[in-house]
Amino acid sequence: MDYQAVLFDFDYTLGDATASIYGGFCYGFEKMGLPKPRMEAVRETVGYILEDGFTILTGERDEARRAEFRRWFQEKVEGRQAEMTRLFPGAAELLRALHAQGIKVGVVTSKRRTTLHEILSRYELLELMTATVGGETVTRPKPDPEGLLGALETMGVEKGRALYCGDTTIDAATGQNAGVDFSAVLNGTTPAAAFEAYPHVHIAPDLPELKRWLGV
């Protein structure tokens, strides 16, 4: 493998936090006098920043209401996501195999960096990370390349020697905008056909297959 670094999105790429995310949405909607959202509808917003997920589901664009939703969501899930999040099969094995071969690993996600660190620490994976970027650590969310390019700068890796892996077309567009190779991972709600419109080097049905494709 020619890559010096492999970076990942988190939600529906490495892990599944559906239970806590859905709980946060339901709590926020209840507090704001809105009808309870469907779980599948919430799942389809994962990958967007929270405010945009709220707008997608409600049509509301008022910034005060969007900010209010974030506050209620965080009140519900703060400190609970780590214990309610499970890794997908093969996630820990892939990260450890890459690290063992001297390949730098990192995460670029819309999830809060503090929450990401809690999850990675729970699974004893945080020490493997060379760079972690969360939604609150960037000024422009994905698909803007700010976070991905910033992670590569932290890693000291040129964009032509890196691979970004994610489950949504937002992730694919992030890789495209950054000029970084992209591999889709079909752990989420986005079908393989949706990635055909974006540059990609691989489409992995799951993480064990991605590990085999990478040869680690």
N, C-alpha and C. Protein backbone atom coordinates (compact mmCIF):
# COMPACT_ATOMS: atom_id res chain seq x y z
N MET A 1 0.83 -1.19 0.00
CA MET A 1 0.00 0.00 0.00
C MET A 1 0.87 1.25 0.00
N ASP A 2 0.53 2.20 -0.86
CA ASP A 2 1.33 3.41 -1.01
C ASP A 2 0.92 4.53 -0.05
N TYR A 3 -0.19 4.37 0.66
CA TYR A 3 -0.66 5.44 1.53
C TYR A 3 0.19 5.53 2.79
N GLN A 4 0.50 6.78 3.17
CA GLN A 4 1.18 7.03 4.44
C GLN A 4 0.19 7.29 5.56
N ALA A 5 -1.04 7.62 5.20
CA ALA A 5 -2.07 7.88 6.20
C ALA A 5 -3.43 7.44 5.67
N VAL A 6 -4.24 6.90 6.56
CA VAL A 6 -5.63 6.57 6.26
C VAL A 6 -6.50 7.24 7.32
N LEU A 7 -7.42 8.07 6.85
CA LEU A 7 -8.31 8.80 7.75
C LEU A 7 -9.75 8.34 7.54
N PHE A 8 -10.54 8.49 8.58
CA PHE A 8 -11.90 7.97 8.56
C PHE A 8 -12.89 9.02 9.07
N ASP A 9 -14.10 8.98 8.52
CA ASP A 9 -15.25 9.56 9.19
C ASP A 9 -15.54 8.64 10.38
N PHE A 10 -16.42 9.06 11.29
CA PHE A 10 -16.73 8.14 12.40
C PHE A 10 -18.11 7.52 12.29
N ASP A 11 -19.17 8.34 12.37
CA ASP A 11 -20.53 7.78 12.42
C ASP A 11 -20.87 7.02 11.14
N TYR A 12 -21.26 5.75 11.32
CA TYR A 12 -21.61 4.83 10.24
C TYR A 12 -20.42 4.48 9.34
N THR A 13 -19.22 4.89 9.76
CA THR A 13 -18.00 4.43 9.09
C THR A 13 -17.25 3.50 10.04
N LEU A 14 -16.87 4.03 11.20
CA LEU A 14 -16.21 3.21 12.21
C LEU A 14 -17.18 2.74 13.29
N GLY A 15 -18.18 3.55 13.60
CA GLY A 15 -19.05 3.20 14.71
C GLY A 15 -20.50 3.59 14.50
N ASP A 16 -21.34 3.05 15.37
CA ASP A 16 -22.79 3.27 15.30
C ASP A 16 -23.26 3.88 16.62
N ALA A 17 -23.62 5.16 16.56
CA ALA A 17 -24.13 5.88 17.74
C ALA A 17 -25.61 6.17 17.59
N THR A 18 -26.32 5.35 16.82
CA THR A 18 -27.73 5.61 16.52
C THR A 18 -28.56 5.80 17.77
N ALA A 19 -28.37 4.94 18.77
CA ALA A 19 -29.22 4.99 19.97
C ALA A 19 -29.14 6.35 20.65
N SER A 20 -27.93 6.86 20.84
CA SER A 20 -27.78 8.14 21.54
C SER A 20 -28.20 9.30 20.64
N ILE A 21 -27.89 9.23 19.34
CA ILE A 21 -28.27 10.31 18.43
C ILE A 21 -29.78 10.42 18.34
N TYR A 22 -30.45 9.28 18.18
CA TYR A 22 -31.91 9.31 18.08
C TYR A 22 -32.53 9.80 19.39
N GLY A 23 -31.98 9.37 20.51
CA GLY A 23 -32.47 9.84 21.79
C GLY A 23 -32.33 11.35 21.93
N GLY A 24 -31.20 11.89 21.44
CA GLY A 24 -30.99 13.34 21.48
C GLY A 24 -31.96 14.09 20.60
N PHE A 25 -32.25 13.55 19.42
CA PHE A 25 -33.21 14.18 18.52
C PHE A 25 -34.61 14.17 19.15
N CYS A 26 -35.02 13.03 19.68
CA CYS A 26 -36.36 12.93 20.26
C CYS A 26 -36.50 13.90 21.43
N TYR A 27 -35.49 14.00 22.26
CA TYR A 27 -35.53 14.90 23.42
C TYR A 27 -35.61 16.35 22.97
N GLY A 28 -34.77 16.71 21.99
CA GLY A 28 -34.79 18.07 21.49
C GLY A 28 -36.11 18.44 20.85
N PHE A 29 -36.65 17.53 20.06
CA PHE A 29 -37.94 17.81 19.41
C PHE A 29 -39.05 17.95 20.45
N GLU A 30 -39.05 17.10 21.47
CA GLU A 30 -40.06 17.19 22.50
C GLU A 30 -39.98 18.53 23.22
N LYS A 31 -38.78 18.95 23.58
CA LYS A 31 -38.59 20.21 24.29
C LYS A 31 -39.02 21.41 23.45
N MET A 32 -38.94 21.26 22.12
CA MET A 32 -39.26 22.36 21.22
C MET A 32 -40.68 22.27 20.68
N GLY A 33 -41.48 21.33 21.20
CA GLY A 33 -42.87 21.21 20.80
C GLY A 33 -43.08 20.64 19.42
N LEU A 34 -42.14 19.80 18.97
CA LEU A 34 -42.21 19.20 17.64
C LEU A 34 -42.56 17.73 17.75
N PRO A 35 -43.20 17.17 16.73
CA PRO A 35 -43.53 15.74 16.77
C PRO A 35 -42.27 14.88 16.75
N LYS A 36 -42.36 13.74 17.37
CA LYS A 36 -41.23 12.81 17.45
C LYS A 36 -40.81 12.38 16.04
N PRO A 37 -39.51 12.47 15.71
CA PRO A 37 -39.06 12.07 14.37
C PRO A 37 -38.96 10.56 14.24
N ARG A 38 -39.04 10.09 13.02
CA ARG A 38 -38.82 8.66 12.76
C ARG A 38 -37.32 8.35 12.87
N MET A 39 -37.00 7.18 13.40
CA MET A 39 -35.59 6.82 13.55
C MET A 39 -34.88 6.78 12.20
N GLU A 40 -35.53 6.23 11.18
CA GLU A 40 -34.87 6.14 9.88
C GLU A 40 -34.60 7.52 9.31
N ALA A 41 -35.50 8.45 9.54
CA ALA A 41 -35.29 9.82 9.07
C ALA A 41 -34.09 10.45 9.77
N VAL A 42 -33.96 10.19 11.06
CA VAL A 42 -32.80 10.71 11.80
C VAL A 42 -31.52 10.07 11.30
N ARG A 43 -31.54 8.78 11.07
CA ARG A 43 -30.35 8.08 10.58
C ARG A 43 -29.83 8.70 9.28
N GLU A 44 -30.76 9.15 8.43
CA GLU A 44 -30.35 9.71 7.15
C GLU A 44 -29.72 11.09 7.28
N THR A 45 -29.83 11.70 8.45
CA THR A 45 -29.18 13.01 8.66
C THR A 45 -27.79 12.87 9.27
N VAL A 46 -27.43 11.66 9.70
CA VAL A 46 -26.13 11.47 10.34
C VAL A 46 -25.04 11.73 9.31
N GLY A 47 -24.09 12.56 9.69
CA GLY A 47 -23.05 13.02 8.76
C GLY A 47 -23.14 14.51 8.53
N TYR A 48 -24.36 15.05 8.68
CA TYR A 48 -24.54 16.49 8.66
C TYR A 48 -24.27 17.05 10.05
N ILE A 49 -23.94 18.34 10.16
CA ILE A 49 -23.88 18.94 11.48
C ILE A 49 -25.29 18.93 12.05
N LEU A 50 -25.40 18.97 13.38
CA LEU A 50 -26.70 18.83 14.04
C LEU A 50 -27.72 19.84 13.54
N GLU A 51 -27.30 21.09 13.40
CA GLU A 51 -28.23 22.14 12.99
C GLU A 51 -28.82 21.83 11.61
N ASP A 52 -28.00 21.32 10.70
CA ASP A 52 -28.51 20.99 9.37
C ASP A 52 -29.42 19.78 9.42
N GLY A 53 -29.11 18.81 10.29
CA GLY A 53 -30.01 17.68 10.46
C GLY A 53 -31.37 18.13 10.95
N PHE A 54 -31.38 19.07 11.89
CA PHE A 54 -32.63 19.64 12.40
C PHE A 54 -33.42 20.29 11.28
N THR A 55 -32.74 21.08 10.45
CA THR A 55 -33.42 21.76 9.35
C THR A 55 -33.94 20.78 8.32
N ILE A 56 -33.18 19.75 8.00
CA ILE A 56 -33.62 18.74 7.05
C ILE A 56 -34.93 18.10 7.51
N LEU A 57 -35.04 17.83 8.80
CA LEU A 57 -36.21 17.12 9.31
C LEU A 57 -37.40 18.04 9.56
N THR A 58 -37.16 19.32 9.82
CA THR A 58 -38.25 20.22 10.20
C THR A 58 -38.53 21.32 9.18
N GLY A 59 -37.57 21.63 8.34
CA GLY A 59 -37.70 22.76 7.43
C GLY A 59 -37.41 24.10 8.08
N GLU A 60 -37.13 24.11 9.38
CA GLU A 60 -36.87 25.35 10.10
C GLU A 60 -35.44 25.82 9.87
N ARG A 61 -35.30 27.10 9.50
CA ARG A 61 -34.00 27.66 9.20
C ARG A 61 -33.60 28.80 10.14
N ASP A 62 -34.47 29.13 11.06
CA ASP A 62 -34.16 30.21 12.00
C ASP A 62 -32.96 29.81 12.85
N GLU A 63 -31.93 30.64 12.88
CA GLU A 63 -30.69 30.29 13.56
C GLU A 63 -30.88 30.12 15.06
N ALA A 64 -31.78 30.89 15.63
CA ALA A 64 -32.03 30.74 17.06
C ALA A 64 -32.64 29.37 17.37
N ARG A 65 -33.55 28.92 16.52
CA ARG A 65 -34.16 27.60 16.73
C ARG A 65 -33.13 26.50 16.49
N ARG A 66 -32.30 26.67 15.49
CA ARG A 66 -31.25 25.67 15.21
C ARG A 66 -30.29 25.56 16.40
N ALA A 67 -29.92 26.70 16.96
CA ALA A 67 -29.03 26.71 18.12
C ALA A 67 -29.71 26.11 19.35
N GLU A 68 -31.00 26.38 19.49
CA GLU A 68 -31.75 25.82 20.61
C GLU A 68 -31.76 24.30 20.53
N PHE A 69 -31.97 23.79 19.32
CA PHE A 69 -31.97 22.33 19.16
C PHE A 69 -30.64 21.75 19.60
N ARG A 70 -29.53 22.34 19.21
CA ARG A 70 -28.22 21.82 19.62
C ARG A 70 -28.10 21.78 21.14
N ARG A 71 -28.58 22.81 21.80
CA ARG A 71 -28.48 22.85 23.26
C ARG A 71 -29.26 21.71 23.90
N TRP A 72 -30.49 21.48 23.42
CA TRP A 72 -31.27 20.38 23.98
C TRP A 72 -30.62 19.03 23.66
N PHE A 73 -30.14 18.87 22.45
CA PHE A 73 -29.49 17.62 22.06
C PHE A 73 -28.30 17.33 22.97
N GLN A 74 -27.44 18.33 23.15
CA GLN A 74 -26.26 18.13 23.98
C GLN A 74 -26.64 17.85 25.43
N GLU A 75 -27.70 18.48 25.92
CA GLU A 75 -28.14 18.22 27.30
C GLU A 75 -28.48 16.74 27.48
N LYS A 76 -29.08 16.14 26.45
CA LYS A 76 -29.51 14.75 26.54
C LYS A 76 -28.34 13.77 26.40
N VAL A 77 -27.44 14.03 25.47
CA VAL A 77 -26.43 13.02 25.14
C VAL A 77 -25.08 13.26 25.82
N GLU A 78 -24.87 14.44 26.39
CA GLU A 78 -23.56 14.77 26.96
C GLU A 78 -23.14 13.70 27.97
N GLY A 79 -21.96 13.12 27.73
CA GLY A 79 -21.42 12.11 28.63
C GLY A 79 -22.00 10.73 28.47
N ARG A 80 -22.97 10.56 27.56
CA ARG A 80 -23.62 9.25 27.40
C ARG A 80 -23.27 8.55 26.09
N GLN A 81 -22.78 9.31 25.09
CA GLN A 81 -22.57 8.70 23.79
C GLN A 81 -21.54 7.59 23.82
N ALA A 82 -20.48 7.77 24.59
CA ALA A 82 -19.41 6.77 24.59
C ALA A 82 -19.93 5.40 25.00
N GLU A 83 -20.73 5.35 26.06
CA GLU A 83 -21.21 4.06 26.54
C GLU A 83 -22.29 3.47 25.65
N MET A 84 -22.92 4.29 24.81
CA MET A 84 -24.00 3.81 23.94
C MET A 84 -23.54 3.56 22.51
N THR A 85 -22.29 3.83 22.20
CA THR A 85 -21.78 3.69 20.84
C THR A 85 -21.04 2.37 20.69
N ARG A 86 -21.34 1.66 19.64
CA ARG A 86 -20.62 0.42 19.36
C ARG A 86 -19.81 0.58 18.08
N LEU A 87 -18.66 -0.06 18.05
CA LEU A 87 -17.85 -0.07 16.84
C LEU A 87 -18.39 -1.11 15.87
N PHE A 88 -18.23 -0.85 14.59
CA PHE A 88 -18.60 -1.85 13.60
C PHE A 88 -17.58 -2.99 13.59
N PRO A 89 -18.00 -4.19 13.22
CA PRO A 89 -17.05 -5.30 13.15
C PRO A 89 -15.85 -4.94 12.27
N GLY A 90 -14.68 -5.22 12.79
CA GLY A 90 -13.45 -4.98 12.05
C GLY A 90 -12.84 -3.62 12.24
N ALA A 91 -13.53 -2.69 12.93
CA ALA A 91 -13.00 -1.34 13.07
C ALA A 91 -11.71 -1.31 13.88
N ALA A 92 -11.73 -1.89 15.07
CA ALA A 92 -10.54 -1.88 15.92
C ALA A 92 -9.39 -2.62 15.25
N GLU A 93 -9.71 -3.75 14.63
CA GLU A 93 -8.67 -4.55 13.97
C GLU A 93 -8.01 -3.78 12.84
N LEU A 94 -8.81 -3.05 12.06
CA LEU A 94 -8.27 -2.27 10.95
C LEU A 94 -7.37 -1.15 11.46
N LEU A 95 -7.82 -0.42 12.46
CA LEU A 95 -7.03 0.69 12.98
C LEU A 95 -5.71 0.18 13.57
N ARG A 96 -5.79 -0.91 14.30
CA ARG A 96 -4.56 -1.45 14.92
C ARG A 96 -3.61 -2.01 13.86
N ALA A 97 -4.13 -2.62 12.82
CA ALA A 97 -3.28 -3.16 11.77
C ALA A 97 -2.57 -2.05 11.01
N LEU A 98 -3.29 -0.97 10.71
CA LEU A 98 -2.67 0.17 10.04
C LEU A 98 -1.56 0.76 10.90
N HIS A 99 -1.87 0.98 12.15
CA HIS A 99 -0.88 1.56 13.07
C HIS A 99 0.35 0.66 13.20
N ALA A 100 0.13 -0.64 13.26
CA ALA A 100 1.24 -1.59 13.41
C ALA A 100 2.18 -1.56 12.21
N GLN A 101 1.65 -1.20 11.05
CA GLN A 101 2.48 -1.13 9.85
C GLN A 101 3.06 0.25 9.62
N GLY A 102 2.93 1.13 10.61
CA GLY A 102 3.52 2.46 10.50
C GLY A 102 2.71 3.43 9.67
N ILE A 103 1.46 3.10 9.39
CA ILE A 103 0.58 3.99 8.63
C ILE A 103 -0.19 4.85 9.61
N LYS A 104 -0.15 6.15 9.44
CA LYS A 104 -0.81 7.06 10.36
C LYS A 104 -2.33 6.98 10.18
N VAL A 105 -3.04 7.04 11.29
CA VAL A 105 -4.50 6.98 11.24
C VAL A 105 -5.10 8.19 11.94
N GLY A 106 -6.26 8.60 11.45
CA GLY A 106 -6.94 9.76 12.04
C GLY A 106 -8.42 9.72 11.75
N VAL A 107 -9.16 10.61 12.38
CA VAL A 107 -10.60 10.72 12.18
C VAL A 107 -10.96 12.16 11.89
N VAL A 108 -11.78 12.37 10.87
CA VAL A 108 -12.32 13.69 10.54
C VAL A 108 -13.84 13.53 10.50
N THR A 109 -14.52 14.09 11.49
CA THR A 109 -15.94 13.85 11.68
C THR A 109 -16.68 15.13 12.00
N SER A 110 -18.00 15.11 11.83
CA SER A 110 -18.84 16.23 12.25
C SER A 110 -19.23 16.10 13.72
N LYS A 111 -18.96 14.94 14.32
CA LYS A 111 -19.22 14.72 15.74
C LYS A 111 -18.29 15.60 16.57
N ARG A 112 -18.70 15.96 17.78
CA ARG A 112 -17.84 16.74 18.65
C ARG A 112 -16.56 15.97 18.95
N ARG A 113 -15.45 16.68 18.91
CA ARG A 113 -14.15 16.03 19.14
C ARG A 113 -14.06 15.45 20.55
N THR A 114 -14.63 16.14 21.52
CA THR A 114 -14.59 15.62 22.88
C THR A 114 -15.34 14.30 22.99
N THR A 115 -16.49 14.21 22.32
CA THR A 115 -17.24 12.96 22.32
C THR A 115 -16.48 11.86 21.59
N LEU A 116 -15.89 12.21 20.45
CA LEU A 116 -15.08 11.24 19.71
C LEU A 116 -13.98 10.68 20.59
N HIS A 117 -13.29 11.54 21.33
CA HIS A 117 -12.19 11.08 22.19
C HIS A 117 -12.70 10.16 23.29
N GLU A 118 -13.88 10.44 23.83
CA GLU A 118 -14.45 9.58 24.85
C GLU A 118 -14.72 8.18 24.29
N ILE A 119 -15.25 8.13 23.06
CA ILE A 119 -15.54 6.84 22.43
C ILE A 119 -14.26 6.09 22.13
N LEU A 120 -13.30 6.76 21.52
CA LEU A 120 -12.04 6.10 21.18
C LEU A 120 -11.30 5.64 22.43
N SER A 121 -11.37 6.42 23.49
CA SER A 121 -10.71 6.03 24.74
C SER A 121 -11.37 4.79 25.33
N ARG A 122 -12.69 4.73 25.24
CA ARG A 122 -13.41 3.57 25.77
C ARG A 122 -12.94 2.29 25.10
N TYR A 123 -12.66 2.37 23.80
CA TYR A 123 -12.23 1.19 23.07
C TYR A 123 -10.70 1.08 22.96
N GLU A 124 -9.99 1.91 23.72
CA GLU A 124 -8.52 1.89 23.77
C GLU A 124 -7.91 2.10 22.38
N LEU A 125 -8.48 3.07 21.66
CA LEU A 125 -8.01 3.37 20.30
C LEU A 125 -7.47 4.79 20.16
N LEU A 126 -7.69 5.62 21.17
CA LEU A 126 -7.29 7.02 21.04
C LEU A 126 -5.78 7.16 20.86
N GLU A 127 -5.01 6.31 21.52
CA GLU A 127 -3.56 6.41 21.43
C GLU A 127 -3.03 6.07 20.04
N LEU A 128 -3.86 5.46 19.20
CA LEU A 128 -3.44 5.14 17.84
C LEU A 128 -3.53 6.34 16.91
N MET A 129 -4.27 7.37 17.32
CA MET A 129 -4.59 8.48 16.43
C MET A 129 -3.47 9.51 16.34
N THR A 130 -3.14 9.87 15.11
CA THR A 130 -2.19 10.96 14.89
C THR A 130 -2.93 12.29 14.80
N ALA A 131 -4.18 12.27 14.35
CA ALA A 131 -4.97 13.50 14.23
C ALA A 131 -6.45 13.17 14.40
N THR A 132 -7.16 14.02 15.13
CA THR A 132 -8.62 13.91 15.23
C THR A 132 -9.22 15.29 15.04
N VAL A 133 -10.21 15.38 14.18
CA VAL A 133 -10.89 16.64 13.89
C VAL A 133 -12.38 16.45 14.14
N GLY A 134 -12.96 17.33 14.95
CA GLY A 134 -14.38 17.28 15.23
C GLY A 134 -15.10 18.50 14.70
N GLY A 135 -16.41 18.46 14.80
CA GLY A 135 -17.22 19.54 14.25
C GLY A 135 -16.95 20.88 14.87
N GLU A 136 -16.57 20.90 16.16
CA GLU A 136 -16.35 22.18 16.83
C GLU A 136 -14.93 22.70 16.65
N THR A 137 -14.08 21.94 15.95
CA THR A 137 -12.69 22.37 15.78
C THR A 137 -12.43 22.98 14.41
N VAL A 138 -13.47 23.11 13.59
CA VAL A 138 -13.33 23.72 12.27
C VAL A 138 -14.29 24.90 12.14
N THR A 139 -13.98 25.79 11.23
CA THR A 139 -14.88 26.92 10.98
C THR A 139 -15.87 26.60 9.86
N ARG A 140 -15.53 25.62 9.04
CA ARG A 140 -16.40 25.24 7.91
C ARG A 140 -16.55 23.72 7.91
N PRO A 141 -17.77 23.20 8.05
CA PRO A 141 -17.97 21.75 8.13
C PRO A 141 -17.79 21.07 6.78
N LYS A 142 -17.65 19.75 6.83
CA LYS A 142 -17.64 18.97 5.60
C LYS A 142 -18.91 19.25 4.81
N PRO A 143 -18.83 19.32 3.48
CA PRO A 143 -17.75 18.85 2.61
C PRO A 143 -16.62 19.84 2.36
N ASP A 144 -16.59 20.96 3.09
CA ASP A 144 -15.42 21.82 2.98
C ASP A 144 -14.20 21.01 3.41
N PRO A 145 -13.07 21.15 2.73
CA PRO A 145 -11.90 20.32 3.02
C PRO A 145 -11.08 20.78 4.21
N GLU A 146 -11.51 21.85 4.91
CA GLU A 146 -10.70 22.41 5.99
C GLU A 146 -10.23 21.35 6.99
N GLY A 147 -11.16 20.55 7.48
CA GLY A 147 -10.81 19.57 8.51
C GLY A 147 -9.87 18.50 8.01
N LEU A 148 -10.13 17.98 6.82
CA LEU A 148 -9.28 16.93 6.26
C LEU A 148 -7.89 17.44 5.97
N LEU A 149 -7.79 18.61 5.37
CA LEU A 149 -6.47 19.18 5.07
C LEU A 149 -5.73 19.55 6.35
N GLY A 150 -6.46 20.02 7.36
CA GLY A 150 -5.83 20.32 8.63
C GLY A 150 -5.27 19.08 9.30
N ALA A 151 -6.01 17.97 9.20
CA ALA A 151 -5.53 16.72 9.77
C ALA A 151 -4.26 16.26 9.08
N LEU A 152 -4.22 16.38 7.77
CA LEU A 152 -3.03 15.97 7.02
C LEU A 152 -1.83 16.85 7.38
N GLU A 153 -2.09 18.13 7.60
CA GLU A 153 -1.00 19.01 8.01
C GLU A 153 -0.46 18.59 9.37
N THR A 154 -1.36 18.25 10.29
CA THR A 154 -0.94 17.77 11.60
C THR A 154 -0.12 16.49 11.48
N MET A 155 -0.53 15.62 10.56
CA MET A 155 0.15 14.35 10.37
C MET A 155 1.49 14.50 9.65
N GLY A 156 1.64 15.61 8.92
CA GLY A 156 2.83 15.77 8.11
C GLY A 156 2.82 14.89 6.87
N VAL A 157 1.62 14.67 6.33
CA VAL A 157 1.44 13.80 5.16
C VAL A 157 0.88 14.61 4.01
N GLU A 158 1.44 14.45 2.83
CA GLU A 158 0.92 15.13 1.64
C GLU A 158 -0.40 14.49 1.22
N LYS A 159 -1.28 15.31 0.65
CA LYS A 159 -2.62 14.80 0.32
C LYS A 159 -2.59 13.68 -0.71
N GLY A 160 -1.55 13.64 -1.54
CA GLY A 160 -1.45 12.57 -2.51
C GLY A 160 -1.05 11.24 -1.94
N ARG A 161 -0.71 11.21 -0.64
CA ARG A 161 -0.29 9.97 0.01
C ARG A 161 -1.29 9.54 1.09
N ALA A 162 -2.51 10.06 0.98
CA ALA A 162 -3.52 9.77 2.01
C ALA A 162 -4.81 9.24 1.39
N LEU A 163 -5.54 8.49 2.20
CA LEU A 163 -6.85 7.96 1.83
C LEU A 163 -7.86 8.39 2.89
N TYR A 164 -9.03 8.86 2.44
CA TYR A 164 -10.12 9.20 3.35
C TYR A 164 -11.26 8.23 3.12
N CYS A 165 -11.81 7.68 4.20
CA CYS A 165 -12.86 6.67 4.11
C CYS A 165 -14.11 7.17 4.83
N GLY A 166 -15.26 7.06 4.18
CA GLY A 166 -16.50 7.52 4.78
C GLY A 166 -17.71 6.85 4.20
N ASP A 167 -18.87 7.09 4.82
CA ASP A 167 -20.09 6.38 4.44
C ASP A 167 -21.10 7.23 3.68
N THR A 168 -20.83 8.53 3.51
CA THR A 168 -21.81 9.40 2.86
C THR A 168 -21.20 10.13 1.67
N THR A 169 -22.07 10.68 0.84
CA THR A 169 -21.57 11.50 -0.27
C THR A 169 -20.96 12.80 0.25
N ILE A 170 -21.31 13.21 1.47
CA ILE A 170 -20.63 14.35 2.09
C ILE A 170 -19.15 14.02 2.25
N ASP A 171 -18.86 12.81 2.70
CA ASP A 171 -17.46 12.39 2.85
C ASP A 171 -16.77 12.30 1.50
N ALA A 172 -17.49 11.77 0.50
CA ALA A 172 -16.91 11.67 -0.84
C ALA A 172 -16.58 13.05 -1.39
N ALA A 173 -17.49 14.00 -1.19
CA ALA A 173 -17.24 15.36 -1.66
C ALA A 173 -16.10 16.02 -0.88
N THR A 174 -15.95 15.68 0.39
CA THR A 174 -14.85 16.20 1.18
C THR A 174 -13.52 15.74 0.61
N GLY A 175 -13.43 14.44 0.30
CA GLY A 175 -12.22 13.94 -0.32
C GLY A 175 -11.94 14.60 -1.66
N GLN A 176 -12.99 14.76 -2.46
CA GLN A 176 -12.85 15.42 -3.76
C GLN A 176 -12.36 16.84 -3.60
N ASN A 177 -12.96 17.58 -2.67
CA ASN A 177 -12.58 18.98 -2.48
C ASN A 177 -11.17 19.14 -1.93
N ALA A 178 -10.72 18.14 -1.20
CA ALA A 178 -9.36 18.18 -0.64
C ALA A 178 -8.31 17.64 -1.60
N GLY A 179 -8.75 16.96 -2.66
CA GLY A 179 -7.80 16.32 -3.56
C GLY A 179 -7.18 15.08 -2.96
N VAL A 180 -7.97 14.38 -2.12
CA VAL A 180 -7.50 13.19 -1.42
C VAL A 180 -8.28 11.98 -1.92
N ASP A 181 -7.61 10.85 -2.14
CA ASP A 181 -8.28 9.62 -2.53
C ASP A 181 -9.37 9.28 -1.53
N PHE A 182 -10.47 8.72 -2.05
CA PHE A 182 -11.62 8.40 -1.20
C PHE A 182 -12.06 6.96 -1.42
N SER A 183 -12.39 6.30 -0.31
CA SER A 183 -13.04 4.99 -0.36
C SER A 183 -14.34 5.06 0.41
N ALA A 184 -15.41 4.62 -0.21
CA ALA A 184 -16.68 4.52 0.49
C ALA A 184 -16.70 3.28 1.37
N VAL A 185 -17.45 3.37 2.47
CA VAL A 185 -17.69 2.23 3.35
C VAL A 185 -19.20 2.14 3.55
N LEU A 186 -19.79 1.02 3.19
CA LEU A 186 -21.25 0.92 3.14
C LEU A 186 -21.85 0.45 4.45
N ASN A 187 -21.47 1.11 5.55
CA ASN A 187 -22.04 0.79 6.86
C ASN A 187 -23.26 1.64 7.19
N GLY A 188 -23.54 2.66 6.38
CA GLY A 188 -24.60 3.60 6.71
C GLY A 188 -25.83 3.44 5.83
N THR A 189 -26.44 4.56 5.51
CA THR A 189 -27.70 4.56 4.75
C THR A 189 -27.50 4.88 3.27
N THR A 190 -26.26 5.21 2.87
CA THR A 190 -26.00 5.61 1.49
C THR A 190 -25.65 4.39 0.65
N PRO A 191 -26.36 4.15 -0.45
CA PRO A 191 -26.08 2.96 -1.28
C PRO A 191 -24.84 3.18 -2.15
N ALA A 192 -24.28 2.09 -2.62
CA ALA A 192 -23.06 2.14 -3.43
C ALA A 192 -23.24 3.02 -4.66
N ALA A 193 -24.40 2.95 -5.29
CA ALA A 193 -24.63 3.70 -6.54
C ALA A 193 -24.46 5.20 -6.35
N ALA A 194 -24.72 5.70 -5.14
CA ALA A 194 -24.63 7.14 -4.91
C ALA A 194 -23.21 7.66 -5.03
N PHE A 195 -22.23 6.78 -4.86
CA PHE A 195 -20.83 7.21 -4.90
C PHE A 195 -20.27 7.26 -6.32
N GLU A 196 -21.02 6.77 -7.27
CA GLU A 196 -20.51 6.74 -8.64
C GLU A 196 -20.31 8.14 -9.20
N ALA A 197 -20.99 9.12 -8.65
CA ALA A 197 -20.87 10.50 -9.12
C ALA A 197 -19.63 11.20 -8.58
N TYR A 198 -18.89 10.54 -7.70
CA TYR A 198 -17.72 11.14 -7.05
C TYR A 198 -16.47 10.32 -7.33
N PRO A 199 -15.32 10.98 -7.38
CA PRO A 199 -14.08 10.22 -7.53
C PRO A 199 -13.90 9.28 -6.33
N HIS A 200 -13.54 8.04 -6.60
CA HIS A 200 -13.29 7.09 -5.52
C HIS A 200 -12.36 6.00 -6.02
N VAL A 201 -11.59 5.46 -5.10
CA VAL A 201 -10.67 4.38 -5.47
C VAL A 201 -11.22 3.02 -5.09
N HIS A 202 -12.25 3.01 -4.25
CA HIS A 202 -12.79 1.73 -3.79
C HIS A 202 -14.15 1.97 -3.16
N ILE A 203 -15.00 0.95 -3.17
CA ILE A 203 -16.24 0.93 -2.41
C ILE A 203 -16.25 -0.35 -1.60
N ALA A 204 -16.14 -0.23 -0.28
CA ALA A 204 -16.03 -1.39 0.60
C ALA A 204 -17.38 -1.71 1.21
N PRO A 205 -17.84 -2.95 1.12
CA PRO A 205 -19.12 -3.30 1.76
C PRO A 205 -19.05 -3.25 3.28
N ASP A 206 -17.86 -3.42 3.84
CA ASP A 206 -17.68 -3.37 5.29
C ASP A 206 -16.20 -3.16 5.59
N LEU A 207 -15.88 -3.05 6.86
CA LEU A 207 -14.50 -2.76 7.25
C LEU A 207 -13.55 -3.94 7.10
N PRO A 208 -13.98 -5.19 7.36
CA PRO A 208 -13.08 -6.30 7.07
C PRO A 208 -12.67 -6.36 5.60
N GLU A 209 -13.60 -6.06 4.70
CA GLU A 209 -13.23 -6.06 3.27
C GLU A 209 -12.29 -4.91 2.95
N LEU A 210 -12.49 -3.75 3.58
CA LEU A 210 -11.58 -2.63 3.38
C LEU A 210 -10.18 -3.00 3.86
N LYS A 211 -10.09 -3.69 4.98
CA LYS A 211 -8.79 -4.13 5.49
C LYS A 211 -8.10 -5.05 4.50
N ARG A 212 -8.86 -5.97 3.91
CA ARG A 212 -8.27 -6.87 2.91
C ARG A 212 -7.82 -6.09 1.69
N TRP A 213 -8.63 -5.15 1.25
CA TRP A 213 -8.28 -4.35 0.07
C TRP A 213 -7.02 -3.54 0.31
N LEU A 214 -6.86 -3.02 1.52
CA LEU A 214 -5.67 -2.25 1.85
C LEU A 214 -4.44 -3.14 2.03
N GLY A 215 -4.68 -4.42 2.25
CA GLY A 215 -3.56 -5.34 2.38
C GLY A 215 -2.88 -5.27 3.74
N VAL A 216 -3.63 -5.01 4.78
CA VAL A 216 -3.04 -4.94 6.13
C VAL A 216 -3.65 -6.00 7.03
